[in-house]
């Protein structure tokens, strides 16, 4: 049996429950509802013992649906939802009345890459809401697809050092470019100097509209770089299913990550990346 894995980046969406505007620009593969049970057989075979559901729409309906799925699915351990961060009073009210008491509510994300303002997180109202998250020790997940997104996140870290944050998809490294680490590497190294930043290995290459099937060797140097910069205790892994289906199946994604990480790192470090670090970051129990 493989060592246990926590999949920290799973999406489930039901088109009857919430509106997912970004799907309008996707192909038919993703323009349907996705049920957590679709990956049940593969996740058992892969020994994925826990999963984190991550928001895919900037609305409360999506968050409510994920929490409902979590309640009904024994291996789902947490939800990264959405809050109206531009309204701190409403953010505080929702946390107090609905989410702080929900054991599955583990973090917050906003699709900042869909916002025309790359400094969206630095709005005064948003910063006030992020302070509220920090006060309650609720993590924030960053969708960075431009260098400016990373720069903005670093600015937030300087303003709110107690806010735990993670870069989803390693902030999309320049895998298809010939510049090696380039400015992405400079910024990620700067971010790693802040102890409240973590990095998530997931969804690599999709933001660049990757049309080819990646292999472990294609992303190995970027993963090594991130682990070197952030340290073995601040990196974990997620599938990005079903968006990852644009490149490969759920099983193939994890076969790639397992091959990559177990080749690059010791068994002890691999265990941290696959399980222990995620358990610590999302405050999971019983693992």
C-alpha atoms as a PDB file:
ATOM      1  CA  UNK A   1       0.000   0.000   0.000  1.00  0.00           C
ATOM      2  CA  UNK A   2       1.232   3.510  -0.843  1.00  0.00           C
ATOM      3  CA  UNK A   3       1.877   6.042   1.886  1.00  0.00           C
ATOM      4  CA  UNK A   4      -1.244   8.132   2.607  1.00  0.00           C
ATOM      5  CA  UNK A   5      -1.921  11.290   0.606  1.00  0.00           C
ATOM      6  CA  UNK A   6      -4.004  14.357   1.375  1.00  0.00           C
ATOM      7  CA  UNK A   7      -5.327  15.855  -1.856  1.00  0.00           C
ATOM      8  CA  UNK A   8      -5.414  19.551  -1.008  1.00  0.00           C
ATOM      9  CA  UNK A   9      -7.011  20.815  -4.207  1.00  0.00           C
ATOM     10  CA  UNK A  10     -10.261  19.246  -5.387  1.00  0.00           C
ATOM     11  CA  UNK A  11     -13.145  21.074  -7.028  1.00  0.00           C
ATOM     12  CA  UNK A  12     -16.747  19.927  -7.066  1.00  0.00           C
ATOM     13  CA  UNK A  13     -19.353  22.051  -8.731  1.00  0.00           C
ATOM     14  CA  UNK A  14     -23.029  21.609  -9.374  1.00  0.00           C
ATOM     15  CA  UNK A  15     -24.452  23.872 -12.050  1.00  0.00           C
ATOM     16  CA  UNK A  16     -27.859  23.686 -10.383  1.00  0.00           C
ATOM     17  CA  UNK A  17     -26.503  25.079  -7.113  1.00  0.00           C
ATOM     18  CA  UNK A  18     -24.162  27.900  -8.126  1.00  0.00           C
ATOM     19  CA  UNK A  19     -23.022  30.051 -11.032  1.00  0.00           C
ATOM     20  CA  UNK A  20     -19.502  29.462 -12.376  1.00  0.00           C
ATOM     21  CA  UNK A  21     -18.970  32.298 -14.842  1.00  0.00           C
ATOM     22  CA  UNK A  22     -15.484  31.215 -15.898  1.00  0.00           C
ATOM     23  CA  UNK A  23     -16.902  27.971 -17.309  1.00  0.00           C
ATOM     24  CA  UNK A  24     -18.480  30.015 -20.108  1.00  0.00           C
ATOM     25  CA  UNK A  25     -15.023  30.252 -21.669  1.00  0.00           C
ATOM     26  CA  UNK A  26     -14.153  26.584 -21.199  1.00  0.00           C
ATOM     27  CA  UNK A  27     -14.731  23.653 -23.522  1.00  0.00           C
ATOM     28  CA  UNK A  28     -17.495  21.083 -23.072  1.00  0.00           C
ATOM     29  CA  UNK A  29     -15.240  18.827 -20.972  1.00  0.00           C
ATOM     30  CA  UNK A  30     -15.640  21.088 -17.942  1.00  0.00           C
ATOM     31  CA  UNK A  31     -19.066  22.562 -18.691  1.00  0.00           C
ATOM     32  CA  UNK A  32     -20.955  20.086 -16.541  1.00  0.00           C
ATOM     33  CA  UNK A  33     -21.433  19.275 -12.884  1.00  0.00           C
ATOM     34  CA  UNK A  34     -18.683  17.238 -11.200  1.00  0.00           C
ATOM     35  CA  UNK A  35     -19.431  14.856  -8.337  1.00  0.00           C
ATOM     36  CA  UNK A  36     -16.883  13.782  -5.730  1.00  0.00           C
ATOM     37  CA  UNK A  37     -17.834  10.142  -6.248  1.00  0.00           C
ATOM     38  CA  UNK A  38     -16.358  10.218  -9.762  1.00  0.00           C
ATOM     39  CA  UNK A  39     -12.863   9.813  -8.297  1.00  0.00           C
ATOM     40  CA  UNK A  40     -13.778   7.389  -5.495  1.00  0.00           C
ATOM     41  CA  UNK A  41     -12.257   4.281  -7.060  1.00  0.00           C
ATOM     42  CA  UNK A  42      -8.989   5.973  -8.013  1.00  0.00           C
ATOM     43  CA  UNK A  43      -8.557   7.756  -4.702  1.00  0.00           C
ATOM     44  CA  UNK A  44      -8.897   4.460  -2.803  1.00  0.00           C
ATOM     45  CA  UNK A  45      -6.353   2.777  -5.064  1.00  0.00           C
ATOM     46  CA  UNK A  46      -3.949   5.703  -4.605  1.00  0.00           C
ATOM     47  CA  UNK A  47      -4.476   5.722  -0.805  1.00  0.00           C
ATOM     48  CA  UNK A  48      -5.736   9.291  -0.775  1.00  0.00           C
ATOM     49  CA  UNK A  49      -7.106   9.339   2.741  1.00  0.00           C
ATOM     50  CA  UNK A  50      -8.245  12.968   3.015  1.00  0.00           C
ATOM     51  CA  UNK A  51      -9.273  15.718   0.641  1.00  0.00           C
ATOM     52  CA  UNK A  52      -9.750  19.486   0.673  1.00  0.00           C
ATOM     53  CA  UNK A  53     -12.471  21.041  -1.489  1.00  0.00           C
ATOM     54  CA  UNK A  54     -11.501  24.423  -2.945  1.00  0.00           C
ATOM     55  CA  UNK A  55     -13.856  27.140  -4.169  1.00  0.00           C
ATOM     56  CA  UNK A  56     -14.399  27.570  -7.899  1.00  0.00           C
ATOM     57  CA  UNK A  57     -16.750  30.569  -7.816  1.00  0.00           C
ATOM     58  CA  UNK A  58     -16.808  33.871  -5.978  1.00  0.00           C
ATOM     59  CA  UNK A  59     -20.196  33.305  -4.391  1.00  0.00           C
ATOM     60  CA  UNK A  60     -21.652  31.843  -1.213  1.00  0.00           C
ATOM     61  CA  UNK A  61     -23.687  29.241  -3.100  1.00  0.00           C
ATOM     62  CA  UNK A  62     -20.527  27.409  -4.162  1.00  0.00           C
ATOM     63  CA  UNK A  63     -19.222  27.480  -0.595  1.00  0.00           C
ATOM     64  CA  UNK A  64     -22.512  26.143   0.735  1.00  0.00           C
ATOM     65  CA  UNK A  65     -22.490  23.328  -1.799  1.00  0.00           C
ATOM     66  CA  UNK A  66     -18.937  22.290  -0.888  1.00  0.00           C
ATOM     67  CA  UNK A  67     -19.776  22.249   2.812  1.00  0.00           C
ATOM     68  CA  UNK A  68     -22.779  20.061   2.055  1.00  0.00           C
ATOM     69  CA  UNK A  69     -20.605  17.656   0.069  1.00  0.00           C
ATOM     70  CA  UNK A  70     -18.037  17.585   2.879  1.00  0.00           C
ATOM     71  CA  UNK A  71     -20.707  16.641   5.414  1.00  0.00           C
ATOM     72  CA  UNK A  72     -21.779  13.746   3.214  1.00  0.00           C
ATOM     73  CA  UNK A  73     -18.308  12.451   2.260  1.00  0.00           C
ATOM     74  CA  UNK A  74     -16.298  10.718   4.958  1.00  0.00           C
ATOM     75  CA  UNK A  75     -12.846  11.361   3.476  1.00  0.00           C
ATOM     76  CA  UNK A  76     -13.325  15.075   2.775  1.00  0.00           C
ATOM     77  CA  UNK A  77     -11.677  16.875   5.690  1.00  0.00           C
ATOM     78  CA  UNK A  78     -12.049  20.521   4.806  1.00  0.00           C
ATOM     79  CA  UNK A  79     -13.335  23.293   2.559  1.00  0.00           C
ATOM     80  CA  UNK A  80     -11.633  26.419   1.273  1.00  0.00           C
ATOM     81  CA  UNK A  81     -14.592  28.684   0.647  1.00  0.00           C
ATOM     82  CA  UNK A  82     -15.315  32.240  -0.399  1.00  0.00           C
ATOM     83  CA  UNK A  83     -16.209  35.335   1.586  1.00  0.00           C
ATOM     84  CA  UNK A  84     -17.122  38.864   0.406  1.00  0.00           C
ATOM     85  CA  UNK A  85     -13.735  40.290   1.343  1.00  0.00           C
ATOM     86  CA  UNK A  86     -14.629  43.733  -0.001  1.00  0.00           C
ATOM     87  CA  UNK A  87     -17.185  43.947   2.818  1.00  0.00           C
ATOM     88  CA  UNK A  88     -15.406  43.375   6.158  1.00  0.00           C
ATOM     89  CA  UNK A  89     -18.580  43.735   8.212  1.00  0.00           C
ATOM     90  CA  UNK A  90     -20.332  41.038   6.202  1.00  0.00           C
ATOM     91  CA  UNK A  91     -17.213  38.878   6.299  1.00  0.00           C
ATOM     92  CA  UNK A  92     -17.117  39.051  10.093  1.00  0.00           C
ATOM     93  CA  UNK A  93     -20.852  38.434  10.340  1.00  0.00           C
ATOM     94  CA  UNK A  94     -20.749  35.353   8.087  1.00  0.00           C
ATOM     95  CA  UNK A  95     -17.835  33.918  10.018  1.00  0.00           C
ATOM     96  CA  UNK A  96     -19.565  34.477  13.346  1.00  0.00           C
ATOM     97  CA  UNK A  97     -22.957  33.172  12.268  1.00  0.00           C
ATOM     98  CA  UNK A  98     -22.064  30.334   9.884  1.00  0.00           C
ATOM     99  CA  UNK A  99     -18.467  29.349   9.351  1.00  0.00           C
ATOM    100  CA  UNK A 100     -16.392  29.517  12.527  1.00  0.00           C
ATOM    101  CA  UNK A 101     -18.561  26.813  14.053  1.00  0.00           C
ATOM    102  CA  UNK A 102     -18.319  24.585  10.965  1.00  0.00           C
ATOM    103  CA  UNK A 103     -15.483  22.091  11.409  1.00  0.00           C
ATOM    104  CA  UNK A 104     -15.011  21.801   7.646  1.00  0.00           C
ATOM    105  CA  UNK A 105     -14.387  25.501   6.988  1.00  0.00           C
ATOM    106  CA  UNK A 106     -10.592  25.716   6.724  1.00  0.00           C
ATOM    107  CA  UNK A 107      -9.759  28.645   4.491  1.00  0.00           C
ATOM    108  CA  UNK A 108     -10.804  31.334   2.025  1.00  0.00           C
ATOM    109  CA  UNK A 109     -10.007  32.047  -1.611  1.00  0.00           C
ATOM    110  CA  UNK A 110     -11.022  34.691  -4.126  1.00  0.00           C
ATOM    111  CA  UNK A 111     -10.378  34.307  -7.858  1.00  0.00           C
ATOM    112  CA  UNK A 112      -8.057  37.299  -7.989  1.00  0.00           C
ATOM    113  CA  UNK A 113      -6.739  36.267 -11.397  1.00  0.00           C
ATOM    114  CA  UNK A 114     -10.173  37.150 -12.816  1.00  0.00           C
ATOM    115  CA  UNK A 115     -10.009  40.663 -11.385  1.00  0.00           C
ATOM    116  CA  UNK A 116      -8.728  43.426 -13.713  1.00  0.00           C
ATOM    117  CA  UNK A 117      -6.868  44.994 -10.784  1.00  0.00           C
ATOM    118  CA  UNK A 118      -3.813  42.853 -10.012  1.00  0.00           C
ATOM    119  CA  UNK A 119      -3.569  44.633  -6.644  1.00  0.00           C
ATOM    120  CA  UNK A 120      -7.101  43.647  -5.666  1.00  0.00           C
ATOM    121  CA  UNK A 121      -5.887  42.236  -2.340  1.00  0.00           C
ATOM    122  CA  UNK A 122      -4.418  45.603  -1.324  1.00  0.00           C
ATOM    123  CA  UNK A 123      -7.750  47.432  -1.252  1.00  0.00           C
ATOM    124  CA  UNK A 124      -8.344  48.788   2.247  1.00  0.00           C
ATOM    125  CA  UNK A 125     -11.627  46.897   2.636  1.00  0.00           C
ATOM    126  CA  UNK A 126     -10.027  43.620   1.547  1.00  0.00           C
ATOM    127  CA  UNK A 127      -7.081  44.124   3.889  1.00  0.00           C
ATOM    128  CA  UNK A 128      -9.525  44.632   6.756  1.00  0.00           C
ATOM    129  CA  UNK A 129     -11.173  41.318   5.902  1.00  0.00           C
ATOM    130  CA  UNK A 130      -7.801  39.581   5.651  1.00  0.00           C
ATOM    131  CA  UNK A 131      -7.012  40.926   9.125  1.00  0.00           C
ATOM    132  CA  UNK A 132     -10.225  39.280  10.300  1.00  0.00           C
ATOM    133  CA  UNK A 133      -9.117  35.971   8.772  1.00  0.00           C
ATOM    134  CA  UNK A 134      -5.763  36.279  10.518  1.00  0.00           C
ATOM    135  CA  UNK A 135      -7.488  37.024  13.829  1.00  0.00           C
ATOM    136  CA  UNK A 136      -9.383  33.751  13.542  1.00  0.00           C
ATOM    137  CA  UNK A 137      -6.353  31.871  12.133  1.00  0.00           C
ATOM    138  CA  UNK A 138      -8.136  31.111   8.861  1.00  0.00           C
ATOM    139  CA  UNK A 139      -5.815  30.510   5.919  1.00  0.00           C
ATOM    140  CA  UNK A 140      -5.995  32.393   2.621  1.00  0.00           C
ATOM    141  CA  UNK A 141      -5.214  30.798  -0.768  1.00  0.00           C
ATOM    142  CA  UNK A 142      -3.667  32.838  -3.587  1.00  0.00           C
ATOM    143  CA  UNK A 143      -4.372  32.265  -7.289  1.00  0.00           C
ATOM    144  CA  UNK A 144      -1.365  33.990  -8.843  1.00  0.00           C
ATOM    145  CA  UNK A 145      -1.003  33.790 -12.611  1.00  0.00           C
ATOM    146  CA  UNK A 146       0.938  37.037 -13.118  1.00  0.00           C
ATOM    147  CA  UNK A 147       4.062  38.349 -11.434  1.00  0.00           C
ATOM    148  CA  UNK A 148       2.004  41.243 -10.089  1.00  0.00           C
ATOM    149  CA  UNK A 149      -0.168  38.791  -8.161  1.00  0.00           C
ATOM    150  CA  UNK A 150       2.889  37.440  -6.342  1.00  0.00           C
ATOM    151  CA  UNK A 151       4.141  40.958  -5.648  1.00  0.00           C
ATOM    152  CA  UNK A 152       0.760  41.892  -4.210  1.00  0.00           C
ATOM    153  CA  UNK A 153       0.707  38.796  -2.002  1.00  0.00           C
ATOM    154  CA  UNK A 154       4.151  39.692  -0.659  1.00  0.00           C
ATOM    155  CA  UNK A 155       2.867  43.171   0.176  1.00  0.00           C
ATOM    156  CA  UNK A 156      -0.035  41.581   2.065  1.00  0.00           C
ATOM    157  CA  UNK A 157       2.374  39.349   3.984  1.00  0.00           C
ATOM    158  CA  UNK A 158       4.326  42.403   5.101  1.00  0.00           C
ATOM    159  CA  UNK A 159       1.149  44.127   6.284  1.00  0.00           C
ATOM    160  CA  UNK A 160      -0.410  41.045   7.938  1.00  0.00           C
ATOM    161  CA  UNK A 161       2.415  38.677   8.982  1.00  0.00           C
ATOM    162  CA  UNK A 162       0.038  36.536  11.036  1.00  0.00           C
ATOM    163  CA  UNK A 163      -2.080  35.590   7.997  1.00  0.00           C
ATOM    164  CA  UNK A 164      -1.218  32.094   6.778  1.00  0.00           C
ATOM    165  CA  UNK A 165      -1.221  32.002   2.970  1.00  0.00           C
ATOM    166  CA  UNK A 166      -0.518  29.417   0.298  1.00  0.00           C
ATOM    167  CA  UNK A 167       0.316  29.904  -3.366  1.00  0.00           C
ATOM    168  CA  UNK A 168      -1.943  27.589  -5.353  1.00  0.00           C
ATOM    169  CA  UNK A 169      -0.331  25.879  -8.358  1.00  0.00           C
ATOM    170  CA  UNK A 170       3.120  27.196  -7.333  1.00  0.00           C
ATOM    171  CA  UNK A 171       1.976  30.543  -8.792  1.00  0.00           C
ATOM    172  CA  UNK A 172       2.296  29.032 -12.282  1.00  0.00           C
ATOM    173  CA  UNK A 173       6.050  28.711 -12.917  1.00  0.00           C
ATOM    174  CA  UNK A 174       7.318  29.442 -16.460  1.00  0.00           C
ATOM    175  CA  UNK A 175       7.538  25.798 -17.469  1.00  0.00           C
ATOM    176  CA  UNK A 176       6.949  26.464 -21.168  1.00  0.00           C
ATOM    177  CA  UNK A 177       9.354  29.390 -21.367  1.00  0.00           C
ATOM    178  CA  UNK A 178      13.090  29.262 -21.891  1.00  0.00           C
ATOM    179  CA  UNK A 179      13.964  31.586 -19.029  1.00  0.00           C
ATOM    180  CA  UNK A 180      14.252  28.851 -16.378  1.00  0.00           C
ATOM    181  CA  UNK A 181      13.080  30.470 -13.121  1.00  0.00           C
ATOM    182  CA  UNK A 182      13.221  34.096 -14.279  1.00  0.00           C
ATOM    183  CA  UNK A 183      11.226  36.731 -12.410  1.00  0.00           C
ATOM    184  CA  UNK A 184       8.893  34.041 -11.059  1.00  0.00           C
ATOM    185  CA  UNK A 185      11.877  32.533  -9.258  1.00  0.00           C
ATOM    186  CA  UNK A 186      13.016  35.877  -7.867  1.00  0.00           C
ATOM    187  CA  UNK A 187       9.549  36.622  -6.497  1.00  0.00           C
ATOM    188  CA  UNK A 188       8.955  33.148  -5.079  1.00  0.00           C
ATOM    189  CA  UNK A 189      12.313  33.318  -3.316  1.00  0.00           C
ATOM    190  CA  UNK A 190      11.303  36.669  -1.827  1.00  0.00           C
ATOM    191  CA  UNK A 191       7.941  35.260  -0.753  1.00  0.00           C
ATOM    192  CA  UNK A 192       9.569  32.221   0.839  1.00  0.00           C
ATOM    193  CA  UNK A 193      11.472  34.504   3.203  1.00  0.00           C
ATOM    194  CA  UNK A 194       8.135  35.163   4.924  1.00  0.00           C
ATOM    195  CA  UNK A 195       7.335  32.249   7.222  1.00  0.00           C
ATOM    196  CA  UNK A 196       3.565  32.656   6.764  1.00  0.00           C
ATOM    197  CA  UNK A 197       3.783  31.623   3.081  1.00  0.00           C
ATOM    198  CA  UNK A 198       3.308  28.047   1.894  1.00  0.00           C
ATOM    199  CA  UNK A 199       3.353  26.584  -1.629  1.00  0.00           C
ATOM    200  CA  UNK A 200       1.009  24.054  -3.200  1.00  0.00           C
ATOM    201  CA  UNK A 201       2.173  21.735  -5.989  1.00  0.00           C
ATOM    202  CA  UNK A 202      -0.914  21.542  -8.207  1.00  0.00           C
ATOM    203  CA  UNK A 203      -2.365  22.522 -11.576  1.00  0.00           C
ATOM    204  CA  UNK A 204       1.028  23.166 -13.143  1.00  0.00           C
ATOM    205  CA  UNK A 205       0.977  24.585 -16.646  1.00  0.00           C
ATOM    206  CA  UNK A 206      -2.774  24.930 -17.075  1.00  0.00           C
ATOM    207  CA  UNK A 207      -2.776  28.711 -16.802  1.00  0.00           C
ATOM    208  CA  UNK A 208      -0.542  28.835 -19.871  1.00  0.00           C
ATOM    209  CA  UNK A 209      -3.196  26.847 -21.755  1.00  0.00           C
ATOM    210  CA  UNK A 210      -0.953  23.824 -21.895  1.00  0.00           C
ATOM    211  CA  UNK A 211      -2.022  21.428 -24.643  1.00  0.00           C
ATOM    212  CA  UNK A 212       0.499  18.689 -23.989  1.00  0.00           C
ATOM    213  CA  UNK A 213       0.628  15.982 -21.363  1.00  0.00           C
ATOM    214  CA  UNK A 214       3.290  16.892 -18.852  1.00  0.00           C
ATOM    215  CA  UNK A 215       5.706  14.388 -17.424  1.00  0.00           C
ATOM    216  CA  UNK A 216       7.409  14.488 -14.059  1.00  0.00           C
ATOM    217  CA  UNK A 217      10.687  15.613 -15.629  1.00  0.00           C
ATOM    218  CA  UNK A 218       9.044  18.749 -17.039  1.00  0.00           C
ATOM    219  CA  UNK A 219       8.259  20.180 -13.615  1.00  0.00           C
ATOM    220  CA  UNK A 220      10.967  18.596 -11.484  1.00  0.00           C
ATOM    221  CA  UNK A 221      13.361  21.550 -11.366  1.00  0.00           C
ATOM    222  CA  UNK A 222      10.544  23.911 -10.346  1.00  0.00           C
ATOM    223  CA  UNK A 223       9.383  21.648  -7.540  1.00  0.00           C
ATOM    224  CA  UNK A 224      12.963  21.243  -6.316  1.00  0.00           C
ATOM    225  CA  UNK A 225      13.435  25.013  -6.382  1.00  0.00           C
ATOM    226  CA  UNK A 226      10.265  25.659  -4.379  1.00  0.00           C
ATOM    227  CA  UNK A 227      11.093  23.054  -1.740  1.00  0.00           C
ATOM    228  CA  UNK A 228      14.613  24.477  -1.479  1.00  0.00           C
ATOM    229  CA  UNK A 229      13.252  28.004  -0.970  1.00  0.00           C
ATOM    230  CA  UNK A 230      10.210  27.322   1.221  1.00  0.00           C
ATOM    231  CA  UNK A 231      11.667  24.355   3.059  1.00  0.00           C
ATOM    232  CA  UNK A 232      10.351  20.828   3.404  1.00  0.00           C
ATOM    233  CA  UNK A 233       7.727  21.874   5.978  1.00  0.00           C
ATOM    234  CA  UNK A 234       5.897  24.496   3.873  1.00  0.00           C
ATOM    235  CA  UNK A 235       5.061  22.638   0.665  1.00  0.00           C
ATOM    236  CA  UNK A 236       2.175  20.262  -0.035  1.00  0.00           C
ATOM    237  CA  UNK A 237       0.344  18.769  -2.984  1.00  0.00           C
ATOM    238  CA  UNK A 238      -3.055  18.762  -4.693  1.00  0.00           C
ATOM    239  CA  UNK A 239      -4.603  17.433  -7.884  1.00  0.00           C
ATOM    240  CA  UNK A 240      -6.688  20.397  -9.146  1.00  0.00           C
ATOM    241  CA  UNK A 241      -9.299  17.883 -10.328  1.00  0.00           C
ATOM    242  CA  UNK A 242     -11.362  18.229 -12.493  1.00  0.00           C
ATOM    243  CA  UNK A 243      -9.527  21.163 -14.128  1.00  0.00           C
ATOM    244  CA  UNK A 244      -6.542  18.814 -14.359  1.00  0.00           C
ATOM    245  CA  UNK A 245      -8.532  16.655 -16.780  1.00  0.00           C
ATOM    246  CA  UNK A 246      -7.467  19.101 -19.481  1.00  0.00           C
ATOM    247  CA  UNK A 247      -4.061  17.418 -19.242  1.00  0.00           C
ATOM    248  CA  UNK A 248      -4.570  13.972 -17.699  1.00  0.00           C
ATOM    249  CA  UNK A 249      -6.806  11.752 -15.599  1.00  0.00           C
ATOM    250  CA  UNK A 250      -7.014  11.961 -11.808  1.00  0.00           C
ATOM    251  CA  UNK A 251      -4.993   8.772 -11.474  1.00  0.00           C
ATOM    252  CA  UNK A 252      -2.361   9.953 -13.948  1.00  0.00           C
ATOM    253  CA  UNK A 253      -1.946  13.244 -12.079  1.00  0.00           C
ATOM    254  CA  UNK A 254      -1.113  11.466  -8.862  1.00  0.00           C
ATOM    255  CA  UNK A 255       1.116   8.910 -10.563  1.00  0.00           C
ATOM    256  CA  UNK A 256       3.113  11.832 -11.956  1.00  0.00           C
ATOM    257  CA  UNK A 257       3.362  13.589  -8.593  1.00  0.00           C
ATOM    258  CA  UNK A 258       4.294  10.392  -6.776  1.00  0.00           C
ATOM    259  CA  UNK A 259       7.005   9.544  -9.295  1.00  0.00           C
ATOM    260  CA  UNK A 260       8.356  13.084  -9.173  1.00  0.00           C
ATOM    261  CA  UNK A 261       8.378  13.655  -5.431  1.00  0.00           C
ATOM    262  CA  UNK A 262       9.561  10.206  -4.402  1.00  0.00           C
ATOM    263  CA  UNK A 263      12.423  10.497  -6.908  1.00  0.00           C
ATOM    264  CA  UNK A 264      13.494  13.963  -5.789  1.00  0.00           C
ATOM    265  CA  UNK A 265      13.151  13.588  -2.035  1.00  0.00           C
ATOM    266  CA  UNK A 266      13.652  11.133   0.798  1.00  0.00           C
ATOM    267  CA  UNK A 267      10.790   9.058   2.142  1.00  0.00           C
ATOM    268  CA  UNK A 268      10.541  11.340   5.172  1.00  0.00           C
ATOM    269  CA  UNK A 269      10.326  14.518   3.077  1.00  0.00           C
ATOM    270  CA  UNK A 270       7.893  12.896   0.640  1.00  0.00           C
ATOM    271  CA  UNK A 271       5.624  12.026   3.558  1.00  0.00           C
ATOM    272  CA  UNK A 272       5.653  15.665   4.635  1.00  0.00           C
ATOM    273  CA  UNK A 273       4.730  16.911   1.155  1.00  0.00           C
ATOM    274  CA  UNK A 274       2.024  14.305   0.598  1.00  0.00           C
ATOM    275  CA  UNK A 275       0.450  14.351   4.048  1.00  0.00           C
ATOM    276  CA  UNK A 276       1.984  15.941   7.138  1.00  0.00           C
ATOM    277  CA  UNK A 277       2.330  19.529   5.937  1.00  0.00           C
ATOM    278  CA  UNK A 278      -1.240  19.686   4.680  1.00  0.00           C
ATOM    279  CA  UNK A 279      -2.502  18.253   7.949  1.00  0.00           C
ATOM    280  CA  UNK A 280      -0.690  21.025   9.816  1.00  0.00           C
ATOM    281  CA  UNK A 281      -1.717  23.850   7.468  1.00  0.00           C
ATOM    282  CA  UNK A 282      -5.413  22.941   7.350  1.00  0.00           C
ATOM    283  CA  UNK A 283      -5.487  21.853  11.004  1.00  0.00           C
ATOM    284  CA  UNK A 284      -6.775  18.383  10.273  1.00  0.00           C
ATOM    285  CA  UNK A 285      -7.120  15.686  12.904  1.00  0.00           C
ATOM    286  CA  UNK A 286      -7.214  11.921  12.984  1.00  0.00           C
ATOM    287  CA  UNK A 287      -4.481  11.415  10.360  1.00  0.00           C
END
